[in-house]
PDB file of N, CA and C in Angstrom:
ATOM      1  N   MET A   1     -75.204-188.410 -88.652  1.00  0.00           N
ATOM      2  CA  MET A   1     -74.669-188.095 -89.954  1.00  0.00           C
ATOM      3  C   MET A   1     -73.451-187.169 -89.834  1.00  0.00           C
ATOM      4  N   PHE A   2     -73.577-186.170 -88.986  1.00  0.00           N
ATOM      5  CA  PHE A   2     -72.471-185.223 -88.808  1.00  0.00           C
ATOM      6  C   PHE A   2     -71.250-185.933 -88.242  1.00  0.00           C
ATOM      7  N   ARG A   3     -71.465-186.887 -87.320  1.00  0.00           N
ATOM      8  CA  ARG A   3     -70.365-187.654 -86.743  1.00  0.00           C
ATOM      9  C   ARG A   3     -69.606-188.432 -87.809  1.00  0.00           C
ATOM     10  N   ARG A   4     -70.340-189.091 -88.668  1.00  0.00           N
ATOM     11  CA  ARG A   4     -69.698-189.885 -89.723  1.00  0.00           C
ATOM     12  C   ARG A   4     -68.864-188.989 -90.641  1.00  0.00           C
ATOM     13  N   THR A   5     -69.374-187.849 -90.984  1.00  0.00           N
ATOM     14  CA  THR A   5     -68.645-186.916 -91.847  1.00  0.00           C
ATOM     15  C   THR A   5     -67.365-186.440 -91.145  1.00  0.00           C
ATOM     16  N   PHE A   6     -67.493-186.122 -89.861  1.00  0.00           N
ATOM     17  CA  PHE A   6     -66.318-185.683 -89.097  1.00  0.00           C
ATOM     18  C   PHE A   6     -65.244-186.758 -89.078  1.00  0.00           C
ATOM     19  N   TRP A   7     -65.622-187.984 -88.754  1.00  0.00           N
ATOM     20  CA  TRP A   7     -64.631-189.052 -88.664  1.00  0.00           C
ATOM     21  C   TRP A   7     -64.064-189.427 -90.033  1.00  0.00           C
ATOM     22  N   PHE A   8     -64.910-189.354 -91.053  1.00  0.00           N
ATOM     23  CA  PHE A   8     -64.411-189.620 -92.404  1.00  0.00           C
ATOM     24  C   PHE A   8     -63.359-188.566 -92.783  1.00  0.00           C
ATOM     25  N   THR A   9     -63.653-187.294 -92.518  1.00  0.00           N
ATOM     26  CA  THR A   9     -62.719-186.207 -92.832  1.00  0.00           C
ATOM     27  C   THR A   9     -61.439-186.335 -92.009  1.00  0.00           C
ATOM     28  N   ALA A  10     -61.571-186.644 -90.716  1.00  0.00           N
ATOM     29  CA  ALA A  10     -60.402-186.815 -89.856  1.00  0.00           C
ATOM     30  C   ALA A  10     -59.547-187.980 -90.346  1.00  0.00           C
ATOM     31  N   GLY A  11     -60.154-189.070 -90.751  1.00  0.00           N
ATOM     32  CA  GLY A  11     -59.414-190.226 -91.267  1.00  0.00           C
ATOM     33  C   GLY A  11     -58.715-189.911 -92.572  1.00  0.00           C
ATOM     34  N   ALA A  12     -59.400-189.182 -93.456  1.00  0.00           N
ATOM     35  CA  ALA A  12     -58.797-188.807 -94.738  1.00  0.00           C
ATOM     36  C   ALA A  12     -57.604-187.876 -94.509  1.00  0.00           C
ATOM     37  N   ALA A  13     -57.759-186.921 -93.584  1.00  0.00           N
ATOM     38  CA  ALA A  13     -56.655-186.007 -93.284  1.00  0.00           C
ATOM     39  C   ALA A  13     -55.475-186.757 -92.679  1.00  0.00           C
ATOM     40  N   ALA A  14     -55.751-187.683 -91.781  1.00  0.00           N
ATOM     41  CA  ALA A  14     -54.683-188.490 -91.182  1.00  0.00           C
ATOM     42  C   ALA A  14     -53.993-189.340 -92.246  1.00  0.00           C
ATOM     43  N   GLY A  15     -54.745-189.878 -93.171  1.00  0.00           N
ATOM     44  CA  GLY A  15     -54.164-190.675 -94.255  1.00  0.00           C
ATOM     45  C   GLY A  15     -53.270-189.852 -95.156  1.00  0.00           C
ATOM     46  N   VAL A  16     -53.717-188.655 -95.510  1.00  0.00           N
ATOM     47  CA  VAL A  16     -52.907-187.762 -96.352  1.00  0.00           C
ATOM     48  C   VAL A  16     -51.636-187.377 -95.613  1.00  0.00           C
ATOM     49  N   TRP A  17     -51.768-187.036 -94.335  1.00  0.00           N
ATOM     50  CA  TRP A  17     -50.605-186.655 -93.531  1.00  0.00           C
ATOM     51  C   TRP A  17     -49.595-187.804 -93.450  1.00  0.00           C
ATOM     52  N   ALA A  18     -50.102-189.020 -93.169  1.00  0.00           N
ATOM     53  CA  ALA A  18     -49.221-190.182 -93.038  1.00  0.00           C
ATOM     54  C   ALA A  18     -48.550-190.503 -94.377  1.00  0.00           C
ATOM     55  N   THR A  19     -49.292-190.419 -95.452  1.00  0.00           N
ATOM     56  CA  THR A  19     -48.729-190.704 -96.775  1.00  0.00           C
ATOM     57  C   THR A  19     -47.626-189.699 -97.114  1.00  0.00           C
ATOM     58  N   THR A  20     -47.881-188.447 -96.828  1.00  0.00           N
ATOM     59  CA  THR A  20     -46.873-187.415 -97.086  1.00  0.00           C
ATOM     60  C   THR A  20     -45.622-187.667 -96.256  1.00  0.00           C
ATOM     61  N   LYS A  21     -45.811-187.995 -94.995  1.00  0.00           N
ATOM     62  CA  LYS A  21     -44.679-188.258 -94.096  1.00  0.00           C
ATOM     63  C   LYS A  21     -43.863-189.452 -94.589  1.00  0.00           C
ATOM     64  N   VAL A  22     -44.525-190.515 -94.980  1.00  0.00           N
ATOM     65  CA  VAL A  22     -43.842-191.721 -95.463  1.00  0.00           C
ATOM     66  C   VAL A  22     -43.095-191.430 -96.762  1.00  0.00           C
ATOM     67  N   ASN A  23     -43.712-190.688 -97.673  1.00  0.00           N
ATOM     68  CA  ASN A  23     -43.045-190.364 -98.945  1.00  0.00           C
ATOM     69  C   ASN A  23     -41.799-189.513 -98.714  1.00  0.00           C
ATOM     70  N   ARG A  24     -41.873-188.560 -97.793  1.00  0.00           N
ATOM     71  CA  ARG A  24     -40.683-187.756 -97.480  1.00  0.00           C
ATOM     72  C   ARG A  24     -39.565-188.632 -96.923  1.00  0.00           C
ATOM     73  N   LYS A  25     -39.920-189.534 -96.025  1.00  0.00           N
ATOM     74  CA  LYS A  25     -38.914-190.420 -95.429  1.00  0.00           C
ATOM     75  C   LYS A  25     -38.312-191.337 -96.490  1.00  0.00           C
ATOM     76  N   LEU A  26     -39.131-191.847 -97.405  1.00  0.00           N
ATOM     77  CA  LEU A  26     -38.612-192.702 -98.474  1.00  0.00           C
ATOM     78  C   LEU A  26     -37.657-191.945 -99.386  1.00  0.00           C
ATOM     79  N   LYS A  27     -37.954-190.668 -99.658  1.00  0.00           N
ATOM     80  CA  LYS A  27     -37.053-189.861-100.482  1.00  0.00           C
ATOM     81  C   LYS A  27     -35.729-189.638 -99.767  1.00  0.00           C
ATOM     82  N   GLN A  28     -35.761-189.529 -98.437  1.00  0.00           N
ATOM     83  CA  GLN A  28     -34.521-189.350 -97.672  1.00  0.00           C
ATOM     84  C   GLN A  28     -33.678-190.616 -97.660  1.00  0.00           C
ATOM     85  N   LEU A  29     -34.295-191.748 -97.896  1.00  0.00           N
ATOM     86  CA  LEU A  29     -33.582-193.021 -97.814  1.00  0.00           C
ATOM     87  C   LEU A  29     -33.143-193.563 -99.174  1.00  0.00           C
ATOM     88  N   THR A  30     -33.293-192.780-100.238  1.00  0.00           N
ATOM     89  CA  THR A  30     -32.808-193.232-101.534  1.00  0.00           C
ATOM     90  C   THR A  30     -31.283-193.188-101.525  1.00  0.00           C
ATOM     91  N   PRO A  31     -30.638-194.007-102.330  1.00  0.00           N
ATOM     92  CA  PRO A  31     -29.166-194.011-102.355  1.00  0.00           C
ATOM     93  C   PRO A  31     -28.565-192.639-102.674  1.00  0.00           C
ATOM     94  N   GLU A  32     -29.179-191.901-103.598  1.00  0.00           N
ATOM     95  CA  GLU A  32     -28.654-190.586-103.947  1.00  0.00           C
ATOM     96  C   GLU A  32     -28.742-189.636-102.761  1.00  0.00           C
ATOM     97  N   SER A  33     -29.858-189.676-102.060  1.00  0.00           N
ATOM     98  CA  SER A  33     -30.043-188.800-100.910  1.00  0.00           C
ATOM     99  C   SER A  33     -29.084-189.167 -99.780  1.00  0.00           C
ATOM    100  N   LEU A  34     -28.914-190.461 -99.543  1.00  0.00           N
ATOM    101  CA  LEU A  34     -27.980-190.903 -98.503  1.00  0.00           C
ATOM    102  C   LEU A  34     -26.549-190.502 -98.846  1.00  0.00           C
ATOM    103  N   ALA A  35     -26.181-190.598-100.131  1.00  0.00           N
ATOM    104  CA  ALA A  35     -24.838-190.200-100.544  1.00  0.00           C
ATOM    105  C   ALA A  35     -24.636-188.699-100.353  1.00  0.00           C
ATOM    106  N   ALA A  36     -25.660-187.913-100.689  1.00  0.00           N
ATOM    107  CA  ALA A  36     -25.558-186.463-100.511  1.00  0.00           C
ATOM    108  C   ALA A  36     -25.446-186.110 -99.028  1.00  0.00           C
ATOM    109  N   GLN A  37     -26.219-186.793 -98.185  1.00  0.00           N
ATOM    110  CA  GLN A  37     -26.140-186.537 -96.744  1.00  0.00           C
ATOM    111  C   GLN A  37     -24.765-186.901 -96.203  1.00  0.00           C
ATOM    112  N   ALA A  38     -24.221-188.025 -96.650  1.00  0.00           N
ATOM    113  CA  ALA A  38     -22.896-188.439 -96.192  1.00  0.00           C
ATOM    114  C   ALA A  38     -21.835-187.442 -96.642  1.00  0.00           C
ATOM    115  N   ALA A  39     -21.958-186.947 -97.858  1.00  0.00           N
ATOM    116  CA  ALA A  39     -20.997-185.971 -98.365  1.00  0.00           C
ATOM    117  C   ALA A  39     -21.070-184.679 -97.552  1.00  0.00           C
ATOM    118  N   GLU A  40     -22.276-184.242 -97.236  1.00  0.00           N
ATOM    119  CA  GLU A  40     -22.438-183.028 -96.428  1.00  0.00           C
ATOM    120  C   GLU A  40     -21.825-183.204 -95.047  1.00  0.00           C
ATOM    121  N   LYS A  41     -22.047-184.372 -94.447  1.00  0.00           N
ATOM    122  CA  LYS A  41     -21.481-184.640 -93.116  1.00  0.00           C
ATOM    123  C   LYS A  41     -19.955-184.673 -93.181  1.00  0.00           C
ATOM    124  N   ALA A  42     -19.401-185.261 -94.235  1.00  0.00           N
ATOM    125  CA  ALA A  42     -17.944-185.336 -94.377  1.00  0.00           C
ATOM    126  C   ALA A  42     -17.343-183.937 -94.544  1.00  0.00           C
ATOM    127  N   ILE A  43     -17.994-183.107 -95.330  1.00  0.00           N
ATOM    128  CA  ILE A  43     -17.507-181.735 -95.520  1.00  0.00           C
ATOM    129  C   ILE A  43     -17.573-180.972 -94.209  1.00  0.00           C
ATOM    130  N   GLU A  44     -18.677-181.144 -93.495  1.00  0.00           N
ATOM    131  CA  GLU A  44     -18.830-180.473 -92.196  1.00  0.00           C
ATOM    132  C   GLU A  44     -17.752-180.931 -91.209  1.00  0.00           C
ATOM    133  N   ALA A  45     -17.486-182.228 -91.182  1.00  0.00           N
ATOM    134  CA  ALA A  45     -16.446-182.758 -90.291  1.00  0.00           C
ATOM    135  C   ALA A  45     -15.073-182.221 -90.698  1.00  0.00           C
ATOM    136  N   GLY A  46     -14.825-182.113 -91.989  1.00  0.00           N
ATOM    137  CA  GLY A  46     -13.563-181.555 -92.467  1.00  0.00           C
ATOM    138  C   GLY A  46     -13.373-180.109 -92.035  1.00  0.00           C
ATOM    139  N   HIS A  47     -14.448-179.330 -92.108  1.00  0.00           N
ATOM    140  CA  HIS A  47     -14.364-177.936 -91.668  1.00  0.00           C
ATOM    141  C   HIS A  47     -14.083-177.854 -90.171  1.00  0.00           C
ATOM    142  N   ARG A  48     -14.760-178.714 -89.398  1.00  0.00           N
ATOM    143  CA  ARG A  48     -14.521-178.699 -87.949  1.00  0.00           C
ATOM    144  C   ARG A  48     -13.088-179.119 -87.629  1.00  0.00           C
ATOM    145  N   LEU A  49     -12.571-180.111 -88.354  1.00  0.00           N
ATOM    146  CA  LEU A  49     -11.194-180.564 -88.137  1.00  0.00           C
ATOM    147  C   LEU A  49     -10.195-179.467 -88.511  1.00  0.00           C
ATOM    148  N   LYS A  50     -10.463-178.760 -89.599  1.00  0.00           N
ATOM    149  CA  LYS A  50      -9.591-177.661 -90.009  1.00  0.00           C
ATOM    150  C   LYS A  50      -9.604-176.552 -88.958  1.00  0.00           C
ATOM    151  N   ASP A  51     -10.793-176.216 -88.448  1.00  0.00           N
ATOM    152  CA  ASP A  51     -10.894-175.189 -87.406  1.00  0.00           C
ATOM    153  C   ASP A  51     -10.131-175.606 -86.154  1.00  0.00           C
ATOM    154  N   PHE A  52     -10.243-176.885 -85.799  1.00  0.00           N
ATOM    155  CA  PHE A  52      -9.524-177.393 -84.636  1.00  0.00           C
ATOM    156  C   PHE A  52      -8.016-177.273 -84.840  1.00  0.00           C
ATOM    157  N   ALA A  53      -7.543-177.663 -86.027  1.00  0.00           N
ATOM    158  CA  ALA A  53      -6.106-177.587 -86.315  1.00  0.00           C
ATOM    159  C   ALA A  53      -5.610-176.141 -86.261  1.00  0.00           C
ATOM    160  N   LEU A  54      -6.412-175.215 -86.779  1.00  0.00           N
ATOM    161  CA  LEU A  54      -6.016-173.802 -86.728  1.00  0.00           C
ATOM    162  C   LEU A  54      -5.987-173.291 -85.297  1.00  0.00           C
ATOM    163  N   ASP A  55      -6.949-173.734 -84.477  1.00  0.00           N
ATOM    164  CA  ASP A  55      -6.944-173.341 -83.063  1.00  0.00           C
ATOM    165  C   ASP A  55      -5.717-173.880 -82.342  1.00  0.00           C
ATOM    166  N   VAL A  56      -5.363-175.128 -82.632  1.00  0.00           N
ATOM    167  CA  VAL A  56      -4.176-175.724 -82.012  1.00  0.00           C
ATOM    168  C   VAL A  56      -2.922-174.971 -82.446  1.00  0.00           C
ATOM    169  N   LYS A  57      -2.837-174.657 -83.718  1.00  0.00           N
ATOM    170  CA  LYS A  57      -1.669-173.937 -84.231  1.00  0.00           C
ATOM    171  C   LYS A  57      -1.560-172.552 -83.588  1.00  0.00           C
ATOM    172  N   ALA A  58      -2.689-171.866 -83.451  1.00  0.00           N
ATOM    173  CA  ALA A  58      -2.675-170.538 -82.819  1.00  0.00           C
ATOM    174  C   ALA A  58      -2.282-170.650 -81.352  1.00  0.00           C
ATOM    175  N   GLY A  59      -2.781-171.681 -80.682  1.00  0.00           N
ATOM    176  CA  GLY A  59      -2.418-171.896 -79.285  1.00  0.00           C
ATOM    177  C   GLY A  59      -0.936-172.199 -79.124  1.00  0.00           C
ATOM    178  N   MET A  60      -0.393-172.980 -80.043  1.00  0.00           N
ATOM    179  CA  MET A  60       1.031-173.297 -79.991  1.00  0.00           C
ATOM    180  C   MET A  60       1.876-172.037 -80.190  1.00  0.00           C
ATOM    181  N   ALA A  61       1.486-171.206 -81.141  1.00  0.00           N
ATOM    182  CA  ALA A  61       2.232-169.969 -81.397  1.00  0.00           C
ATOM    183  C   ALA A  61       2.153-169.040 -80.183  1.00  0.00           C
ATOM    184  N   GLN A  62       0.965-168.971 -79.589  1.00  0.00           N
ATOM    185  CA  GLN A  62       0.807-168.122 -78.403  1.00  0.00           C
ATOM    186  C   GLN A  62       1.665-168.632 -77.255  1.00  0.00           C
ATOM    187  N   ARG A  63       1.646-169.941 -77.048  1.00  0.00           N
ATOM    188  CA  ARG A  63       2.436-170.514 -75.946  1.00  0.00           C
ATOM    189  C   ARG A  63       3.934-170.349 -76.216  1.00  0.00           C
ATOM    190  N   GLU A  64       4.350-170.515 -77.465  1.00  0.00           N
ATOM    191  CA  GLU A  64       5.759-170.316 -77.798  1.00  0.00           C
ATOM    192  C   GLU A  64       6.172-168.873 -77.522  1.00  0.00           C
ATOM    193  N   ALA A  65       5.288-167.924 -77.852  1.00  0.00           N
ATOM    194  CA  ALA A  65       5.581-166.519 -77.580  1.00  0.00           C
ATOM    195  C   ALA A  65       5.671-166.266 -76.081  1.00  0.00           C
ATOM    196  N   GLU A  66       4.761-166.879 -75.317  1.00  0.00           N
ATOM    197  CA  GLU A  66       4.800-166.724 -73.859  1.00  0.00           C
ATOM    198  C   GLU A  66       6.091-167.282 -73.280  1.00  0.00           C
ATOM    199  N   LEU A  67       6.484-168.458 -73.752  1.00  0.00           N
ATOM    200  CA  LEU A  67       7.719-169.063 -73.267  1.00  0.00           C
ATOM    201  C   LEU A  67       8.936-168.242 -73.681  1.00  0.00           C
ATOM    202  N   GLY A  68       8.941-167.750 -74.911  1.00  0.00           N
ATOM    203  CA  GLY A  68      10.049-166.918 -75.368  1.00  0.00           C
ATOM    204  C   GLY A  68      10.165-165.644 -74.544  1.00  0.00           C
ATOM    205  N   GLU A  69       9.017-165.063 -74.218  1.00  0.00           N
ATOM    206  CA  GLU A  69       9.027-163.869 -73.387  1.00  0.00           C
ATOM    207  C   GLU A  69       9.501-164.190 -71.978  1.00  0.00           C
ATOM    208  N   ALA A  70       9.052-165.306 -71.437  1.00  0.00           N
ATOM    209  CA  ALA A  70       9.450-165.698 -70.084  1.00  0.00           C
ATOM    210  C   ALA A  70      10.942-166.025 -70.010  1.00  0.00           C
ATOM    211  N   LEU A  71      11.493-166.559 -71.082  1.00  0.00           N
ATOM    212  CA  LEU A  71      12.917-166.911 -71.098  1.00  0.00           C
ATOM    213  C   LEU A  71      13.794-165.756 -71.575  1.00  0.00           C
ATOM    214  N   GLY A  72      13.170-164.662 -71.974  1.00  0.00           N
ATOM    215  CA  GLY A  72      13.936-163.503 -72.403  1.00  0.00           C
ATOM    216  C   GLY A  72      14.451-163.609 -73.818  1.00  0.00           C
ATOM    217  N   LEU A  73      13.825-164.399 -74.636  1.00  0.00           N
ATOM    218  CA  LEU A  73      14.233-164.508 -76.037  1.00  0.00           C
ATOM    219  C   LEU A  73      13.543-163.395 -76.815  1.00  0.00           C
ATOM    220  N   GLU A  74      14.329-162.422 -77.261  1.00  0.00           N
ATOM    221  CA  GLU A  74      13.751-161.250 -77.925  1.00  0.00           C
ATOM    222  C   GLU A  74      13.342-161.564 -79.364  1.00  0.00           C
ATOM    223  N   ALA A  75      14.117-162.394 -80.040  1.00  0.00           N
ATOM    224  CA  ALA A  75      13.914-162.599 -81.470  1.00  0.00           C
ATOM    225  C   ALA A  75      13.110-163.862 -81.757  1.00  0.00           C
ATOM    226  N   HIS A  76      12.149-164.199 -80.915  1.00  0.00           N
ATOM    227  CA  HIS A  76      11.423-165.452 -81.142  1.00  0.00           C
ATOM    228  C   HIS A  76      10.510-165.386 -82.367  1.00  0.00           C
ATOM    229  N   ASN A  77      10.174-164.198 -82.860  1.00  0.00           N
ATOM    230  CA  ASN A  77       9.342-164.081 -84.060  1.00  0.00           C
ATOM    231  C   ASN A  77      10.148-163.683 -85.289  1.00  0.00           C
ATOM    232  N   ASP A  78      11.458-163.571 -85.148  1.00  0.00           N
ATOM    233  CA  ASP A  78      12.317-163.191 -86.263  1.00  0.00           C
ATOM    234  C   ASP A  78      12.364-164.350 -87.268  1.00  0.00           C
ATOM    235  N   PRO A  79      12.020-164.111 -88.537  1.00  0.00           N
ATOM    236  CA  PRO A  79      12.027-165.193 -89.531  1.00  0.00           C
ATOM    237  C   PRO A  79      13.379-165.881 -89.674  1.00  0.00           C
ATOM    238  N   LYS A  80      14.468-165.131 -89.512  1.00  0.00           N
ATOM    239  CA  LYS A  80      15.798-165.740 -89.616  1.00  0.00           C
ATOM    240  C   LYS A  80      16.025-166.745 -88.494  1.00  0.00           C
ATOM    241  N   VAL A  81      15.578-166.397 -87.292  1.00  0.00           N
ATOM    242  CA  VAL A  81      15.735-167.302 -86.154  1.00  0.00           C
ATOM    243  C   VAL A  81      14.878-168.545 -86.351  1.00  0.00           C
ATOM    244  N   ILE A  82      13.660-168.355 -86.841  1.00  0.00           N
ATOM    245  CA  ILE A  82      12.766-169.495 -87.072  1.00  0.00           C
ATOM    246  C   ILE A  82      13.364-170.430 -88.113  1.00  0.00           C
ATOM    247  N   GLU A  83      13.906-169.867 -89.216  1.00  0.00           N
ATOM    248  CA  GLU A  83      14.525-170.688 -90.251  1.00  0.00           C
ATOM    249  C   GLU A  83      15.749-171.415 -89.705  1.00  0.00           C
ATOM    250  N   HIS A  84      16.538-170.726 -88.886  1.00  0.00           N
ATOM    251  CA  HIS A  84      17.714-171.343 -88.286  1.00  0.00           C
ATOM    252  C   HIS A  84      17.297-172.527 -87.404  1.00  0.00           C
ATOM    253  N   ARG A  85      16.236-172.356 -86.618  1.00  0.00           N
ATOM    254  CA  ARG A  85      15.752-173.463 -85.767  1.00  0.00           C
ATOM    255  C   ARG A  85      15.299-174.644 -86.610  1.00  0.00           C
ATOM    256  N   ARG A  86      14.605-174.338 -87.726  1.00  0.00           N
ATOM    257  CA  ARG A  86      14.102-175.411 -88.575  1.00  0.00           C
ATOM    258  C   ARG A  86      15.257-176.188 -89.192  1.00  0.00           C
ATOM    259  N   VAL A  87      16.256-175.485 -89.700  1.00  0.00           N
ATOM    260  CA  VAL A  87      17.415-176.141 -90.314  1.00  0.00           C
ATOM    261  C   VAL A  87      18.189-176.935 -89.260  1.00  0.00           C
ATOM    262  N   ALA A  88      18.344-176.362 -88.084  1.00  0.00           N
ATOM    263  CA  ALA A  88      19.057-177.061 -87.015  1.00  0.00           C
ATOM    264  C   ALA A  88      18.316-178.338 -86.615  1.00  0.00           C
ATOM    265  N   ALA A  89      17.013-178.273 -86.564  1.00  0.00           N
ATOM    266  CA  ALA A  89      16.231-179.460 -86.204  1.00  0.00           C
ATOM    267  C   ALA A  89      16.369-180.535 -87.275  1.00  0.00           C
ATOM    268  N   LEU A  90      16.357-180.130 -88.561  1.00  0.00           N
ATOM    269  CA  LEU A  90      16.521-181.102 -89.644  1.00  0.00           C
ATOM    270  C   LEU A  90      17.906-181.734 -89.586  1.00  0.00           C
ATOM    271  N   ASP A  91      18.936-180.914 -89.348  1.00  0.00           N
ATOM    272  CA  ASP A  91      20.299-181.443 -89.254  1.00  0.00           C
ATOM    273  C   ASP A  91      20.443-182.380 -88.072  1.00  0.00           C
ATOM    274  N   HIS A  92      19.816-182.029 -86.969  1.00  0.00           N
ATOM    275  CA  HIS A  92      19.894-182.874 -85.778  1.00  0.00           C
ATOM    276  C   HIS A  92      19.237-184.224 -86.035  1.00  0.00           C
ATOM    277  N   ASN A  93      18.099-184.216 -86.708  1.00  0.00           N
ATOM    278  CA  ASN A  93      17.403-185.473 -86.997  1.00  0.00           C
ATOM    279  C   ASN A  93      18.186-186.322 -87.992  1.00  0.00           C
ATOM    280  N   LYS A  94      18.883-185.669 -88.920  1.00  0.00           N
ATOM    281  CA  LYS A  94      19.632-186.406 -89.927  1.00  0.00           C
ATOM    282  C   LYS A  94      20.859-187.073 -89.317  1.00  0.00           C
ATOM    283  N   HIS A  95      21.506-186.402 -88.355  1.00  0.00           N
ATOM    284  CA  HIS A  95      22.740-186.902 -87.782  1.00  0.00           C
ATOM    285  C   HIS A  95      22.560-187.374 -86.349  1.00  0.00           C
ATOM    286  N   SER A  96      21.339-187.675 -85.973  1.00  0.00           N
ATOM    287  CA  SER A  96      21.141-188.094 -84.576  1.00  0.00           C
ATOM    288  C   SER A  96      21.740-189.481 -84.349  1.00  0.00           C
ATOM    289  N   TYR A  97      22.191-189.686 -83.162  1.00  0.00           N
ATOM    290  CA  TYR A  97      22.843-190.943 -82.809  1.00  0.00           C
ATOM    291  C   TYR A  97      21.797-191.916 -82.305  1.00  0.00           C
ATOM    292  N   ASN A  98      21.744-193.070 -82.911  1.00  0.00           N
ATOM    293  CA  ASN A  98      20.828-194.118 -82.492  1.00  0.00           C
ATOM    294  C   ASN A  98      21.663-195.289 -82.011  1.00  0.00           C
ATOM    295  N   ARG A  99      21.667-195.536 -80.741  1.00  0.00           N
ATOM    296  CA  ARG A  99      22.521-196.588 -80.191  1.00  0.00           C
ATOM    297  C   ARG A  99      22.090-197.974 -80.634  1.00  0.00           C
ATOM    298  N   ASN A 100      20.879-198.120 -81.132  1.00  0.00           N
ATOM    299  CA  ASN A 100      20.431-199.410 -81.623  1.00  0.00           C
ATOM    300  C   ASN A 100      21.076-199.778 -82.964  1.00  0.00           C
ATOM    301  N   GLU A 101      21.615-198.782 -83.662  1.00  0.00           N
ATOM    302  CA  GLU A 101      22.262-199.055 -84.945  1.00  0.00           C
ATOM    303  C   GLU A 101      23.582-199.793 -84.746  1.00  0.00           C
ATOM    304  N   ASP A 102      24.172-199.702 -83.557  1.00  0.00           N
ATOM    305  CA  ASP A 102      25.472-200.346 -83.318  1.00  0.00           C
ATOM    306  C   ASP A 102      25.337-201.849 -83.137  1.00  0.00           C
ATOM    307  N   HIS A 103      24.153-202.345 -82.908  1.00  0.00           N
ATOM    308  CA  HIS A 103      23.994-203.772 -82.587  1.00  0.00           C
ATOM    309  C   HIS A 103      23.524-204.563 -83.747  1.00  0.00           C
TER     310      HIS A 103
END
């Protein structure tokens, strides 16, 4: 008698556990839940991409400073010099010579 009660209780507990597990999984697989999970993953990926871009930008600035120091450029952080470089680069791109245009 005690054996039957034990196995009945163990089976009932296993059934409740399995039912709970299945219901949780079904709730995770609803369209609303899947959309929310996808949105969370996209936001997380966006944050990681932004962090990566900021790291690259900081590395570029550091390397530019190292190169400027190595080449003896004193005013590499001067805003006027930076603006002058930007304008010069734009002018160069606007008036660059493309030998393919002659043909």
